[in-house]
């Protein structure tokens, strides 16, 4: 099995578009901003999100964020987001990392692979602690975070707050 993580590019094409149309619009707090867009709107979305990863055109309350695609044997099967840093608001509702795997590819260990790759990207960015906020009912993602050396800091009525120490 060949696993590859690719950072969003304005040149991404139909394979990424088709994958994003299959991901839910909003599931367990992970928002797919591309859901329901036309292909032309998707191309504009790519440019906007590429700019956002560089801090260009983001609103005051936002932080730069990179988007990544997980490819398994050349097929895009998932998406991950990595915020460069957290604000006080994102420490309470958001965290550093979000990810989603296409329904047909779940329960194959790809979420664990994707999270590990996102942690490695954070390491390259010198982010030493990562917060994941996982909805309480999302047992699979809680297990995935714990399998990637996550430590549960607290649990509230909505989420598990899981920190991952990122030694670089």
Protein backbone atom coordinates (compact mmCIF):
# COMPACT_ATOMS: atom_id res chain seq x y z
CA UNK A 1 0.00 0.00 0.00
CA UNK A 2 1.34 3.41 -0.99
CA UNK A 3 0.25 6.29 1.30
CA UNK A 4 0.91 9.88 0.31
CA UNK A 5 -0.11 13.21 1.79
CA UNK A 6 -0.36 16.12 -0.63
CA UNK A 7 -0.83 19.73 0.35
CA UNK A 8 -3.67 21.62 -1.34
CA UNK A 9 -2.60 23.26 -4.59
CA UNK A 10 -4.53 25.68 -6.82
CA UNK A 11 -3.78 23.17 -9.59
CA UNK A 12 -5.67 20.30 -7.90
CA UNK A 13 -8.17 18.75 -10.27
CA UNK A 14 -11.19 16.58 -10.78
CA UNK A 15 -10.01 13.72 -8.53
CA UNK A 16 -9.91 16.04 -5.50
CA UNK A 17 -13.17 17.72 -6.50
CA UNK A 18 -14.94 14.37 -6.82
CA UNK A 19 -13.63 13.23 -3.42
CA UNK A 20 -14.78 16.45 -1.74
CA UNK A 21 -18.26 16.04 -3.19
CA UNK A 22 -18.47 12.63 -1.46
CA UNK A 23 -17.39 13.92 1.97
CA UNK A 24 -20.22 15.14 4.21
CA UNK A 25 -20.74 18.91 4.44
CA UNK A 26 -20.51 18.79 8.23
CA UNK A 27 -19.78 15.68 10.24
CA UNK A 28 -18.60 15.53 13.84
CA UNK A 29 -17.49 19.16 13.68
CA UNK A 30 -15.45 18.71 10.49
CA UNK A 31 -16.70 21.15 7.86
CA UNK A 32 -16.25 20.48 4.16
CA UNK A 33 -16.44 23.95 2.61
CA UNK A 34 -16.39 22.47 -0.87
CA UNK A 35 -19.54 20.40 -0.52
CA UNK A 36 -22.06 21.24 -3.22
CA UNK A 37 -19.78 23.61 -5.15
CA UNK A 38 -19.57 23.51 -8.92
CA UNK A 39 -16.19 22.62 -10.42
CA UNK A 40 -15.57 26.30 -11.25
CA UNK A 41 -16.42 27.31 -7.66
CA UNK A 42 -14.08 24.55 -6.44
CA UNK A 43 -11.20 26.05 -8.44
CA UNK A 44 -11.81 29.42 -6.76
CA UNK A 45 -12.08 27.66 -3.37
CA UNK A 46 -8.62 26.14 -3.98
CA UNK A 47 -7.09 29.58 -4.62
CA UNK A 48 -8.80 31.07 -1.56
CA UNK A 49 -7.64 28.23 0.70
CA UNK A 50 -4.13 28.31 -0.70
CA UNK A 51 -4.01 32.02 0.14
CA UNK A 52 -5.42 31.32 3.62
CA UNK A 53 -2.58 28.87 4.28
CA UNK A 54 -0.24 31.82 3.77
CA UNK A 55 -2.30 34.17 5.95
CA UNK A 56 -3.64 36.06 2.93
CA UNK A 57 -7.27 37.17 2.96
CA UNK A 58 -8.20 35.65 6.29
CA UNK A 59 -10.65 37.35 8.58
CA UNK A 60 -9.47 38.72 11.91
CA UNK A 61 -10.84 35.79 13.92
CA UNK A 62 -9.21 33.17 11.66
CA UNK A 63 -5.71 31.67 11.64
CA UNK A 64 -3.69 30.28 8.71
CA UNK A 65 -4.62 26.69 7.94
CA UNK A 66 -3.23 24.11 5.54
CA UNK A 67 -5.42 21.56 3.78
CA UNK A 68 -4.07 18.16 2.79
CA UNK A 69 -5.29 15.19 0.76
CA UNK A 70 -4.57 11.59 1.72
CA UNK A 71 -3.90 9.34 -1.25
CA UNK A 72 -3.90 5.57 -0.94
CA UNK A 73 -2.47 3.81 -4.00
CA UNK A 74 -2.99 7.00 -6.02
CA UNK A 75 -6.64 7.51 -5.01
CA UNK A 76 -7.68 10.47 -2.79
CA UNK A 77 -9.53 8.98 0.18
CA UNK A 78 -9.45 11.72 2.80
CA UNK A 79 -8.85 15.32 3.77
CA UNK A 80 -7.04 16.89 6.70
CA UNK A 81 -6.75 20.43 8.04
CA UNK A 82 -3.92 21.78 10.16
CA UNK A 83 -4.13 25.17 11.84
CA UNK A 84 -0.79 26.93 12.33
CA UNK A 85 -1.63 28.08 15.86
CA UNK A 86 -4.61 28.49 18.17
CA UNK A 87 -6.48 31.50 19.46
CA UNK A 88 -8.29 31.43 22.80
CA UNK A 89 -11.51 30.66 20.90
CA UNK A 90 -9.93 27.75 19.00
CA UNK A 91 -8.64 26.30 22.29
CA UNK A 92 -12.28 26.06 23.37
CA UNK A 93 -13.86 25.14 20.04
CA UNK A 94 -11.75 23.92 17.17
CA UNK A 95 -8.25 22.69 17.92
CA UNK A 96 -5.33 22.29 15.53
CA UNK A 97 -6.33 19.29 13.45
CA UNK A 98 -9.46 18.06 11.73
CA UNK A 99 -9.76 15.23 9.25
CA UNK A 100 -12.26 13.08 7.40
CA UNK A 101 -12.06 9.85 5.44
CA UNK A 102 -14.49 8.89 2.67
CA UNK A 103 -17.17 6.52 3.93
CA UNK A 104 -16.08 3.68 1.62
CA UNK A 105 -12.53 3.85 3.04
CA UNK A 106 -13.33 3.98 6.75
CA UNK A 107 -12.37 1.27 9.23
CA UNK A 108 -9.23 0.43 7.26
CA UNK A 109 -6.77 2.40 9.43
CA UNK A 110 -6.55 5.36 7.04
CA UNK A 111 -7.67 7.86 9.68
CA UNK A 112 -4.77 6.78 11.88
CA UNK A 113 -2.38 7.13 8.93
CA UNK A 114 -3.76 10.56 8.02
CA UNK A 115 -3.53 11.84 11.59
CA UNK A 116 0.08 10.59 11.90
CA UNK A 117 0.98 12.38 8.65
CA UNK A 118 -0.68 15.60 9.85
CA UNK A 119 1.27 15.35 13.12
CA UNK A 120 4.47 15.04 11.06
CA UNK A 121 3.49 18.15 9.06
CA UNK A 122 2.98 20.00 12.34
CA UNK A 123 6.41 18.83 13.47
CA UNK A 124 7.91 20.33 10.30
CA UNK A 125 6.10 23.58 11.17
CA UNK A 126 7.60 23.48 14.71
CA UNK A 127 4.20 23.07 16.40
CA UNK A 128 5.11 21.30 19.63
CA UNK A 129 1.62 20.60 21.05
CA UNK A 130 -1.48 19.76 19.09
CA UNK A 131 -5.05 19.94 20.28
CA UNK A 132 -7.71 17.70 18.82
CA UNK A 133 -11.31 18.23 19.85
CA UNK A 134 -13.29 15.06 19.17
CA UNK A 135 -17.03 14.78 19.66
CA UNK A 136 -17.84 12.42 22.51
CA UNK A 137 -19.85 10.03 20.31
CA UNK A 138 -17.01 9.73 17.76
CA UNK A 139 -15.36 6.77 19.47
CA UNK A 140 -13.32 5.83 16.39
CA UNK A 141 -11.62 9.25 16.24
CA UNK A 142 -10.99 9.22 19.99
CA UNK A 143 -9.24 5.85 19.59
CA UNK A 144 -7.33 7.19 16.58
CA UNK A 145 -6.05 10.19 18.56
CA UNK A 146 -5.05 7.99 21.50
CA UNK A 147 -3.26 5.60 19.12
CA UNK A 148 -1.21 8.60 17.96
CA UNK A 149 0.00 9.29 21.53
CA UNK A 150 -2.89 11.57 22.41
CA UNK A 151 -3.68 12.30 26.05
CA UNK A 152 -7.17 13.26 27.11
CA UNK A 153 -6.97 16.52 29.05
CA UNK A 154 -10.67 16.85 29.72
CA UNK A 155 -14.10 15.84 28.54
CA UNK A 156 -17.01 18.26 28.48
CA UNK A 157 -20.62 17.74 27.45
CA UNK A 158 -19.66 17.88 23.75
CA UNK A 159 -16.02 16.92 23.19
CA UNK A 160 -12.89 15.14 24.30
CA UNK A 161 -9.94 17.57 24.45
CA UNK A 162 -6.96 15.49 23.38
CA UNK A 163 -3.41 16.83 23.31
CA UNK A 164 -0.54 15.31 21.36
CA UNK A 165 3.02 16.26 22.31
CA UNK A 166 5.00 16.76 19.13
CA UNK A 167 8.71 16.37 19.73
CA UNK A 168 10.86 17.69 16.92
